[in-house]
C-alpha cells in the first residue's frame, strides 16, 4: 500500500514538472504589422518564381529578336549588293555616254570625258543663241547645283554645258554666255565633228533650221539634263517637266545611295576643274 502511494505521488510530481517545463513550445505569434512586413519582403515563393520566369522569357525574346534583326540586315545588305551589280550591268549595256569626247572649255583648255571621272556631273546640251528654253534649263540646272552645294553631306556636282552650235558658239561666245549662270558652269565647244560625236554618245538630236535674212537660225535639239556618276556612267535624265525641287531630290538620293559600280577604277581620277 505504501508502495502504491509512492507511485501515485511520483506521477503527480511528474505532471507538475511537465506543466512547468513543456517539451515543445508553441511558435510565437507575430503581430499583424510584422506579418505584413515579412510577406512584403518576398516571403511568397510563388511570386518570386513568377518574376523569375517573366525575366527569363523577356531575355529569350530579346535574344531571339536581336538575332532575327541581325539576320535580316545581313540579307538586306546582300540583296542591295546584288541590285547594285545588276544596275552596273544594265548601265554598261546602255549605249549612252559610253564614248570619250575631246572638246575645248570656255577658257580655251582641252577637256575630255576622263577629266570628269570621280565627279558627279549634270550635263546639258544647248546653244548660246537659244531664245528661251536653254536659258530656262540652265537657270534650273544652276539652282539645283546651288541647292546641292548647300548640303555639306553631299559630294560637289559639276555642271557642264555642251553646245550643239559650234559654228557660232566659239570659246569667246561661251565665256560670255556662262557668266549669267552658276559660277562653276563649264561650257564646251569644238569642231562640228567633235561636237556631233559628243552629242551622238548621249543620243542628242540637233538640227539647224533655215536661216533668216540676217543669217540667224534656231537649232532644234534634245532638251534633257543628264546625271553622270563618278564612274562616268549615265544614271538618270530630267526633261522640262521636272522642277528644280524634283531634280534636286533625285540627285541627292542618287548621291546618298551611290556605291562605286565600276569593277576597275582608272589609275588616277583627275580632280575636278572649273
C-alpha atoms as a PDB file:
ATOM      1  CA  UNK A   1       0.000   0.000   0.000  1.00  0.00           C
ATOM      2  CA  UNK A   2       2.818   2.306   0.826  1.00  0.00           C
ATOM      3  CA  UNK A   3       4.454   1.479  -2.484  1.00  0.00           C
ATOM      4  CA  UNK A   4       1.268   2.355  -4.416  1.00  0.00           C
ATOM      5  CA  UNK A   5       1.093   5.778  -2.742  1.00  0.00           C
ATOM      6  CA  UNK A   6       4.681   6.450  -3.705  1.00  0.00           C
ATOM      7  CA  UNK A   7       3.983   5.650  -7.357  1.00  0.00           C
ATOM      8  CA  UNK A   8       0.905   7.891  -7.414  1.00  0.00           C
ATOM      9  CA  UNK A   9       2.848  10.668  -5.770  1.00  0.00           C
ATOM     10  CA  UNK A  10       5.639  10.339  -8.316  1.00  0.00           C
ATOM     11  CA  UNK A  11       3.129  10.590 -11.213  1.00  0.00           C
ATOM     12  CA  UNK A  12       1.579  13.721  -9.750  1.00  0.00           C
ATOM     13  CA  UNK A  13       5.025  15.283  -9.393  1.00  0.00           C
ATOM     14  CA  UNK A  14       5.907  14.379 -12.944  1.00  0.00           C
ATOM     15  CA  UNK A  15       2.701  16.031 -14.185  1.00  0.00           C
ATOM     16  CA  UNK A  16       3.514  19.235 -12.365  1.00  0.00           C
ATOM     17  CA  UNK A  17       7.029  19.104 -13.824  1.00  0.00           C
ATOM     18  CA  UNK A  18       5.709  18.691 -17.367  1.00  0.00           C
ATOM     19  CA  UNK A  19       3.300  21.588 -16.914  1.00  0.00           C
ATOM     20  CA  UNK A  20       6.091  23.767 -15.645  1.00  0.00           C
ATOM     21  CA  UNK A  21       8.549  22.823 -18.468  1.00  0.00           C
ATOM     22  CA  UNK A  22       6.698  21.851 -21.693  1.00  0.00           C
ATOM     23  CA  UNK A  23       8.712  19.695 -24.123  1.00  0.00           C
ATOM     24  CA  UNK A  24       7.567  21.614 -27.280  1.00  0.00           C
ATOM     25  CA  UNK A  25       6.767  25.283 -27.118  1.00  0.00           C
ATOM     26  CA  UNK A  26       4.195  26.850 -29.465  1.00  0.00           C
ATOM     27  CA  UNK A  27       5.595  29.297 -32.098  1.00  0.00           C
ATOM     28  CA  UNK A  28       5.338  32.904 -31.070  1.00  0.00           C
ATOM     29  CA  UNK A  29       2.536  34.855 -32.646  1.00  0.00           C
ATOM     30  CA  UNK A  30       3.650  37.820 -34.704  1.00  0.00           C
ATOM     31  CA  UNK A  31       1.622  40.970 -34.596  1.00  0.00           C
ATOM     32  CA  UNK A  32      -0.278  41.775 -37.829  1.00  0.00           C
ATOM     33  CA  UNK A  33       2.159  44.538 -38.818  1.00  0.00           C
ATOM     34  CA  UNK A  34       5.139  42.193 -38.559  1.00  0.00           C
ATOM     35  CA  UNK A  35       3.313  39.561 -40.645  1.00  0.00           C
ATOM     36  CA  UNK A  36       2.677  42.067 -43.489  1.00  0.00           C
ATOM     37  CA  UNK A  37       6.293  43.219 -43.369  1.00  0.00           C
ATOM     38  CA  UNK A  38       7.541  39.671 -43.624  1.00  0.00           C
ATOM     39  CA  UNK A  39       5.337  38.904 -46.634  1.00  0.00           C
ATOM     40  CA  UNK A  40       6.320  42.145 -48.405  1.00  0.00           C
ATOM     41  CA  UNK A  41       9.960  41.101 -48.272  1.00  0.00           C
ATOM     42  CA  UNK A  42       9.335  38.201 -50.621  1.00  0.00           C
ATOM     43  CA  UNK A  43       8.021  35.709 -48.263  1.00  0.00           C
ATOM     44  CA  UNK A  44       5.862  34.161 -51.024  1.00  0.00           C
ATOM     45  CA  UNK A  45       7.869  31.628 -53.086  1.00  0.00           C
ATOM     46  CA  UNK A  46       5.234  31.553 -55.856  1.00  0.00           C
ATOM     47  CA  UNK A  47       5.574  35.326 -56.525  1.00  0.00           C
ATOM     48  CA  UNK A  48       9.374  35.108 -56.765  1.00  0.00           C
ATOM     49  CA  UNK A  49       9.136  32.185 -59.155  1.00  0.00           C
ATOM     50  CA  UNK A  50       6.705  34.071 -61.405  1.00  0.00           C
ATOM     51  CA  UNK A  51       9.016  37.089 -61.586  1.00  0.00           C
ATOM     52  CA  UNK A  52      11.982  34.855 -62.447  1.00  0.00           C
ATOM     53  CA  UNK A  53      10.042  33.160 -65.264  1.00  0.00           C
ATOM     54  CA  UNK A  54       8.992  36.549 -66.652  1.00  0.00           C
ATOM     55  CA  UNK A  55      12.594  37.790 -66.724  1.00  0.00           C
ATOM     56  CA  UNK A  56      13.710  34.574 -68.421  1.00  0.00           C
ATOM     57  CA  UNK A  57      11.044  34.833 -71.120  1.00  0.00           C
ATOM     58  CA  UNK A  58      11.883  38.501 -71.698  1.00  0.00           C
ATOM     59  CA  UNK A  59      15.589  37.729 -72.059  1.00  0.00           C
ATOM     60  CA  UNK A  60      14.940  34.898 -74.514  1.00  0.00           C
ATOM     61  CA  UNK A  61      12.618  37.140 -76.553  1.00  0.00           C
ATOM     62  CA  UNK A  62      15.217  39.905 -76.788  1.00  0.00           C
ATOM     63  CA  UNK A  63      17.929  37.441 -77.739  1.00  0.00           C
ATOM     64  CA  UNK A  64      15.859  35.825 -80.480  1.00  0.00           C
ATOM     65  CA  UNK A  65      14.634  39.214 -81.749  1.00  0.00           C
ATOM     66  CA  UNK A  66      18.191  40.564 -81.910  1.00  0.00           C
ATOM     67  CA  UNK A  67      19.317  37.510 -83.849  1.00  0.00           C
ATOM     68  CA  UNK A  68      16.469  37.865 -86.344  1.00  0.00           C
ATOM     69  CA  UNK A  69      17.220  41.582 -86.822  1.00  0.00           C
ATOM     70  CA  UNK A  70      20.902  40.880 -87.455  1.00  0.00           C
ATOM     71  CA  UNK A  71      19.991  38.172 -89.970  1.00  0.00           C
ATOM     72  CA  UNK A  72      17.560  40.493 -91.746  1.00  0.00           C
ATOM     73  CA  UNK A  73      20.172  43.254 -92.025  1.00  0.00           C
ATOM     74  CA  UNK A  74      22.691  40.815 -93.479  1.00  0.00           C
ATOM     75  CA  UNK A  75      20.193  39.538 -96.056  1.00  0.00           C
ATOM     76  CA  UNK A  76      19.205  43.131 -96.909  1.00  0.00           C
ATOM     77  CA  UNK A  77      22.850  44.153 -97.435  1.00  0.00           C
ATOM     78  CA  UNK A  78      23.428  41.152 -99.694  1.00  0.00           C
ATOM     79  CA  UNK A  79      20.306  41.996-101.690  1.00  0.00           C
ATOM     80  CA  UNK A  80      21.419  45.610-102.134  1.00  0.00           C
ATOM     81  CA  UNK A  81      24.836  44.454-103.331  1.00  0.00           C
ATOM     82  CA  UNK A  82      23.191  42.217-105.940  1.00  0.00           C
ATOM     83  CA  UNK A  83      20.941  45.077-107.055  1.00  0.00           C
ATOM     84  CA  UNK A  84      23.969  47.359-107.465  1.00  0.00           C
ATOM     85  CA  UNK A  85      25.714  44.721-109.542  1.00  0.00           C
ATOM     86  CA  UNK A  86      22.626  44.289-111.712  1.00  0.00           C
ATOM     87  CA  UNK A  87      22.419  48.074-112.084  1.00  0.00           C
ATOM     88  CA  UNK A  88      26.046  48.164-113.238  1.00  0.00           C
ATOM     89  CA  UNK A  89      25.372  45.503-115.846  1.00  0.00           C
ATOM     90  CA  UNK A  90      22.313  47.395-117.076  1.00  0.00           C
ATOM     91  CA  UNK A  91      24.193  50.692-117.302  1.00  0.00           C
ATOM     92  CA  UNK A  92      27.063  49.085-119.160  1.00  0.00           C
ATOM     93  CA  UNK A  93      24.576  47.743-121.721  1.00  0.00           C
ATOM     94  CA  UNK A  94      23.008  51.157-122.280  1.00  0.00           C
ATOM     95  CA  UNK A  95      24.633  52.757-125.308  1.00  0.00           C
ATOM     96  CA  UNK A  96      24.515  56.198-123.729  1.00  0.00           C
ATOM     97  CA  UNK A  97      27.526  58.289-122.825  1.00  0.00           C
ATOM     98  CA  UNK A  98      29.908  55.415-123.479  1.00  0.00           C
ATOM     99  CA  UNK A  99      32.188  57.404-125.743  1.00  0.00           C
ATOM    100  CA  UNK A 100      35.108  59.662-124.862  1.00  0.00           C
ATOM    101  CA  UNK A 101      34.669  63.229-126.114  1.00  0.00           C
ATOM    102  CA  UNK A 102      37.506  65.717-126.627  1.00  0.00           C
ATOM    103  CA  UNK A 103      36.499  69.402-126.627  1.00  0.00           C
ATOM    104  CA  UNK A 104      37.596  72.889-125.517  1.00  0.00           C
ATOM    105  CA  UNK A 105      36.175  74.658-122.452  1.00  0.00           C
ATOM    106  CA  UNK A 106      35.230  78.351-122.329  1.00  0.00           C
ATOM    107  CA  UNK A 107      38.771  79.132-121.098  1.00  0.00           C
ATOM    108  CA  UNK A 108      40.272  77.546-124.222  1.00  0.00           C
ATOM    109  CA  UNK A 109      41.625  74.494-122.345  1.00  0.00           C
ATOM    110  CA  UNK A 110      41.251  70.954-123.767  1.00  0.00           C
ATOM    111  CA  UNK A 111      38.745  68.765-121.930  1.00  0.00           C
ATOM    112  CA  UNK A 112      37.973  65.071-122.242  1.00  0.00           C
ATOM    113  CA  UNK A 113      35.469  62.826-120.543  1.00  0.00           C
ATOM    114  CA  UNK A 114      38.280  61.447-118.373  1.00  0.00           C
ATOM    115  CA  UNK A 115      38.620  64.884-116.730  1.00  0.00           C
ATOM    116  CA  UNK A 116      35.264  64.334-115.030  1.00  0.00           C
ATOM    117  CA  UNK A 117      35.820  60.832-113.685  1.00  0.00           C
ATOM    118  CA  UNK A 118      35.494  60.927-109.924  1.00  0.00           C
ATOM    119  CA  UNK A 119      32.961  63.777-110.038  1.00  0.00           C
ATOM    120  CA  UNK A 120      29.185  63.948-110.253  1.00  0.00           C
ATOM    121  CA  UNK A 121      28.111  65.778-113.413  1.00  0.00           C
ATOM    122  CA  UNK A 122      24.876  67.427-114.526  1.00  0.00           C
ATOM    123  CA  UNK A 123      25.151  67.773-118.312  1.00  0.00           C
ATOM    124  CA  UNK A 124      23.053  69.843-120.696  1.00  0.00           C
ATOM    125  CA  UNK A 125      23.256  70.285-124.495  1.00  0.00           C
ATOM    126  CA  UNK A 126      22.130  73.607-125.979  1.00  0.00           C
ATOM    127  CA  UNK A 127      23.338  76.753-127.736  1.00  0.00           C
ATOM    128  CA  UNK A 128      24.017  80.369-126.829  1.00  0.00           C
ATOM    129  CA  UNK A 129      21.508  81.893-129.280  1.00  0.00           C
ATOM    130  CA  UNK A 130      18.632  79.880-127.859  1.00  0.00           C
ATOM    131  CA  UNK A 131      15.890  82.423-127.101  1.00  0.00           C
ATOM    132  CA  UNK A 132      14.206  80.877-124.051  1.00  0.00           C
ATOM    133  CA  UNK A 133      14.412  77.108-123.452  1.00  0.00           C
ATOM    134  CA  UNK A 134      18.182  76.869-122.936  1.00  0.00           C
ATOM    135  CA  UNK A 135      18.363  79.827-120.528  1.00  0.00           C
ATOM    136  CA  UNK A 136      15.436  78.418-118.552  1.00  0.00           C
ATOM    137  CA  UNK A 137      17.000  74.960-118.314  1.00  0.00           C
ATOM    138  CA  UNK A 138      20.429  76.331-117.413  1.00  0.00           C
ATOM    139  CA  UNK A 139      18.829  78.526-114.740  1.00  0.00           C
ATOM    140  CA  UNK A 140      17.143  75.423-113.347  1.00  0.00           C
ATOM    141  CA  UNK A 141      20.366  73.413-113.527  1.00  0.00           C
ATOM    142  CA  UNK A 142      22.243  76.220-111.748  1.00  0.00           C
ATOM    143  CA  UNK A 143      19.592  76.362-108.998  1.00  0.00           C
ATOM    144  CA  UNK A 144      19.868  72.588-108.495  1.00  0.00           C
ATOM    145  CA  UNK A 145      23.656  72.761-108.152  1.00  0.00           C
ATOM    146  CA  UNK A 146      23.390  75.685-105.716  1.00  0.00           C
ATOM    147  CA  UNK A 147      20.884  73.773-103.587  1.00  0.00           C
ATOM    148  CA  UNK A 148      23.140  70.706-103.531  1.00  0.00           C
ATOM    149  CA  UNK A 149      26.143  72.892-102.658  1.00  0.00           C
ATOM    150  CA  UNK A 150      24.301  73.890 -99.503  1.00  0.00           C
ATOM    151  CA  UNK A 151      24.281  70.294 -98.243  1.00  0.00           C
ATOM    152  CA  UNK A 152      27.690  69.571 -96.692  1.00  0.00           C
ATOM    153  CA  UNK A 153      26.970  65.830 -96.632  1.00  0.00           C
ATOM    154  CA  UNK A 154      26.953  65.654-100.445  1.00  0.00           C
ATOM    155  CA  UNK A 155      29.830  65.450-102.880  1.00  0.00           C
ATOM    156  CA  UNK A 156      30.032  68.510-105.188  1.00  0.00           C
ATOM    157  CA  UNK A 157      28.257  68.339-108.535  1.00  0.00           C
ATOM    158  CA  UNK A 158      29.914  69.752-111.646  1.00  0.00           C
ATOM    159  CA  UNK A 159      27.541  71.498-114.104  1.00  0.00           C
ATOM    160  CA  UNK A 160      28.549  71.113-117.765  1.00  0.00           C
ATOM    161  CA  UNK A 161      27.103  72.736-120.903  1.00  0.00           C
ATOM    162  CA  UNK A 162      27.982  71.380-124.368  1.00  0.00           C
ATOM    163  CA  UNK A 163      26.993  73.461-127.374  1.00  0.00           C
ATOM    164  CA  UNK A 164      25.160  71.972-130.336  1.00  0.00           C
ATOM    165  CA  UNK A 165      26.007  75.039-132.411  1.00  0.00           C
ATOM    166  CA  UNK A 166      29.812  75.088-132.768  1.00  0.00           C
ATOM    167  CA  UNK A 167      29.631  77.365-135.791  1.00  0.00           C
ATOM    168  CA  UNK A 168      28.608  80.361-133.649  1.00  0.00           C
ATOM    169  CA  UNK A 169      29.496  79.162-130.127  1.00  0.00           C
ATOM    170  CA  UNK A 170      33.259  79.538-130.054  1.00  0.00           C
ATOM    171  CA  UNK A 171      35.333  79.876-126.861  1.00  0.00           C
ATOM    172  CA  UNK A 172      34.721  83.619-126.537  1.00  0.00           C
ATOM    173  CA  UNK A 173      30.955  83.297-127.067  1.00  0.00           C
ATOM    174  CA  UNK A 174      30.750  80.562-124.433  1.00  0.00           C
ATOM    175  CA  UNK A 175      32.762  82.628-121.938  1.00  0.00           C
ATOM    176  CA  UNK A 176      30.266  85.485-122.257  1.00  0.00           C
ATOM    177  CA  UNK A 177      27.272  83.167-122.068  1.00  0.00           C
ATOM    178  CA  UNK A 178      28.157  81.151-118.951  1.00  0.00           C
ATOM    179  CA  UNK A 179      28.711  84.343-116.903  1.00  0.00           C
ATOM    180  CA  UNK A 180      24.922  84.521-116.405  1.00  0.00           C
ATOM    181  CA  UNK A 181      24.676  81.134-114.705  1.00  0.00           C
ATOM    182  CA  UNK A 182      26.306  79.110-111.931  1.00  0.00           C
ATOM    183  CA  UNK A 183      29.937  80.214-111.357  1.00  0.00           C
ATOM    184  CA  UNK A 184      31.188  76.634-111.762  1.00  0.00           C
ATOM    185  CA  UNK A 185      29.325  76.016-115.011  1.00  0.00           C
ATOM    186  CA  UNK A 186      31.777  74.681-117.578  1.00  0.00           C
ATOM    187  CA  UNK A 187      30.920  75.214-121.257  1.00  0.00           C
ATOM    188  CA  UNK A 188      32.440  73.069-124.007  1.00  0.00           C
ATOM    189  CA  UNK A 189      32.762  73.507-127.764  1.00  0.00           C
ATOM    190  CA  UNK A 190      34.842  72.104-130.608  1.00  0.00           C
ATOM    191  CA  UNK A 191      34.794  71.390-134.294  1.00  0.00           C
ATOM    192  CA  UNK A 192      31.436  70.399-135.823  1.00  0.00           C
ATOM    193  CA  UNK A 193      32.637  66.795-135.991  1.00  0.00           C
ATOM    194  CA  UNK A 194      33.777  66.753-132.332  1.00  0.00           C
ATOM    195  CA  UNK A 195      30.559  68.329-131.092  1.00  0.00           C
ATOM    196  CA  UNK A 196      28.446  65.964-133.161  1.00  0.00           C
ATOM    197  CA  UNK A 197      30.345  62.961-131.784  1.00  0.00           C
ATOM    198  CA  UNK A 198      29.832  64.136-128.207  1.00  0.00           C
ATOM    199  CA  UNK A 199      26.097  64.584-128.774  1.00  0.00           C
ATOM    200  CA  UNK A 200      25.799  61.240-130.512  1.00  0.00           C
ATOM    201  CA  UNK A 201      27.184  59.485-127.412  1.00  0.00           C
ATOM    202  CA  UNK A 202      24.168  60.773-125.470  1.00  0.00           C
ATOM    203  CA  UNK A 203      21.692  60.337-128.343  1.00  0.00           C
ATOM    204  CA  UNK A 204      21.220  64.073-128.634  1.00  0.00           C
ATOM    205  CA  UNK A 205      19.258  65.225-131.641  1.00  0.00           C
ATOM    206  CA  UNK A 206      20.347  68.589-133.102  1.00  0.00           C
ATOM    207  CA  UNK A 207      19.337  70.149-136.382  1.00  0.00           C
ATOM    208  CA  UNK A 208      19.821  73.755-137.538  1.00  0.00           C
ATOM    209  CA  UNK A 209      16.743  75.400-139.015  1.00  0.00           C
ATOM    210  CA  UNK A 210      16.551  77.696-142.013  1.00  0.00           C
ATOM    211  CA  UNK A 211      18.440  80.996-141.881  1.00  0.00           C
ATOM    212  CA  UNK A 212      16.613  84.272-141.911  1.00  0.00           C
ATOM    213  CA  UNK A 213      17.642  87.357-143.881  1.00  0.00           C
ATOM    214  CA  UNK A 214      20.204  88.223-141.210  1.00  0.00           C
ATOM    215  CA  UNK A 215      21.749  84.756-141.351  1.00  0.00           C
ATOM    216  CA  UNK A 216      20.336  83.879-137.945  1.00  0.00           C
ATOM    217  CA  UNK A 217      18.854  80.455-137.273  1.00  0.00           C
ATOM    218  CA  UNK A 218      17.449  78.271-134.486  1.00  0.00           C
ATOM    219  CA  UNK A 219      18.810  74.833-133.619  1.00  0.00           C
ATOM    220  CA  UNK A 220      16.184  72.244-132.804  1.00  0.00           C
ATOM    221  CA  UNK A 221      17.685  69.865-130.241  1.00  0.00           C
ATOM    222  CA  UNK A 222      17.023  67.400-127.420  1.00  0.00           C
ATOM    223  CA  UNK A 223      16.123  69.160-124.178  1.00  0.00           C
ATOM    224  CA  UNK A 224      17.360  66.980-121.322  1.00  0.00           C
ATOM    225  CA  UNK A 225      19.597  67.290-118.273  1.00  0.00           C
ATOM    226  CA  UNK A 226      21.753  64.200-117.795  1.00  0.00           C
ATOM    227  CA  UNK A 227      23.102  62.921-114.471  1.00  0.00           C
ATOM    228  CA  UNK A 228      26.515  61.243-114.792  1.00  0.00           C
ATOM    229  CA  UNK A 229      28.051  59.236-111.939  1.00  0.00           C
ATOM    230  CA  UNK A 230      31.700  59.476-110.804  1.00  0.00           C
ATOM    231  CA  UNK A 231      32.258  56.269-112.791  1.00  0.00           C
ATOM    232  CA  UNK A 232      31.347  58.157-115.955  1.00  0.00           C
ATOM    233  CA  UNK A 233      28.109  56.206-116.328  1.00  0.00           C
ATOM    234  CA  UNK A 234      24.756  57.700-117.240  1.00  0.00           C
ATOM    235  CA  UNK A 235      22.389  57.345-114.256  1.00  0.00           C
ATOM    236  CA  UNK A 236      19.317  59.481-114.904  1.00  0.00           C
ATOM    237  CA  UNK A 237      17.840  62.248-117.016  1.00  0.00           C
ATOM    238  CA  UNK A 238      15.398  65.104-116.407  1.00  0.00           C
ATOM    239  CA  UNK A 239      13.130  66.692-119.007  1.00  0.00           C
ATOM    240  CA  UNK A 240      11.496  70.117-118.948  1.00  0.00           C
ATOM    241  CA  UNK A 241       8.561  68.916-116.847  1.00  0.00           C
ATOM    242  CA  UNK A 242      10.791  68.159-113.855  1.00  0.00           C
ATOM    243  CA  UNK A 243      11.011  71.006-111.372  1.00  0.00           C
ATOM    244  CA  UNK A 244      14.130  72.219-109.637  1.00  0.00           C
ATOM    245  CA  UNK A 245      12.985  70.627-106.373  1.00  0.00           C
ATOM    246  CA  UNK A 246      12.304  67.272-108.020  1.00  0.00           C
ATOM    247  CA  UNK A 247      15.703  67.210-109.729  1.00  0.00           C
ATOM    248  CA  UNK A 248      17.483  68.256-106.536  1.00  0.00           C
ATOM    249  CA  UNK A 249      15.833  65.489-104.527  1.00  0.00           C
ATOM    250  CA  UNK A 250      16.557  62.904-107.228  1.00  0.00           C
ATOM    251  CA  UNK A 251      20.244  63.840-107.449  1.00  0.00           C
ATOM    252  CA  UNK A 252      20.528  63.883-103.634  1.00  0.00           C
ATOM    253  CA  UNK A 253      19.048  60.388-103.471  1.00  0.00           C
ATOM    254  CA  UNK A 254      21.414  59.108-106.165  1.00  0.00           C
ATOM    255  CA  UNK A 255      24.437  60.502-104.314  1.00  0.00           C
ATOM    256  CA  UNK A 256      23.366  59.074-100.945  1.00  0.00           C
ATOM    257  CA  UNK A 257      22.675  55.627-102.436  1.00  0.00           C
ATOM    258  CA  UNK A 258      25.774  55.610-104.620  1.00  0.00           C
ATOM    259  CA  UNK A 259      28.411  52.926-104.314  1.00  0.00           C
ATOM    260  CA  UNK A 260      31.338  52.560-106.706  1.00  0.00           C
ATOM    261  CA  UNK A 261      29.948  50.443-109.502  1.00  0.00           C
ATOM    262  CA  UNK A 262      32.925  50.054-111.776  1.00  0.00           C
ATOM    263  CA  UNK A 263      34.847  46.825-111.300  1.00  0.00           C
ATOM    264  CA  UNK A 264      38.024  48.645-112.321  1.00  0.00           C
ATOM    265  CA  UNK A 265      38.675  52.250-111.462  1.00  0.00           C
ATOM    266  CA  UNK A 266      41.065  54.363-113.536  1.00  0.00           C
ATOM    267  CA  UNK A 267      44.589  54.513-112.165  1.00  0.00           C
ATOM    268  CA  UNK A 268      44.165  58.190-111.345  1.00  0.00           C
ATOM    269  CA  UNK A 269      40.957  60.160-111.284  1.00  0.00           C
ATOM    270  CA  UNK A 270      41.742  63.745-112.260  1.00  0.00           C
ATOM    271  CA  UNK A 271      40.488  66.338-109.822  1.00  0.00           C
ATOM    272  CA  UNK A 272      37.544  68.475-110.782  1.00  0.00           C
ATOM    273  CA  UNK A 273      38.493  71.573-112.718  1.00  0.00           C
ATOM    274  CA  UNK A 274      36.423  74.672-113.138  1.00  0.00           C
END
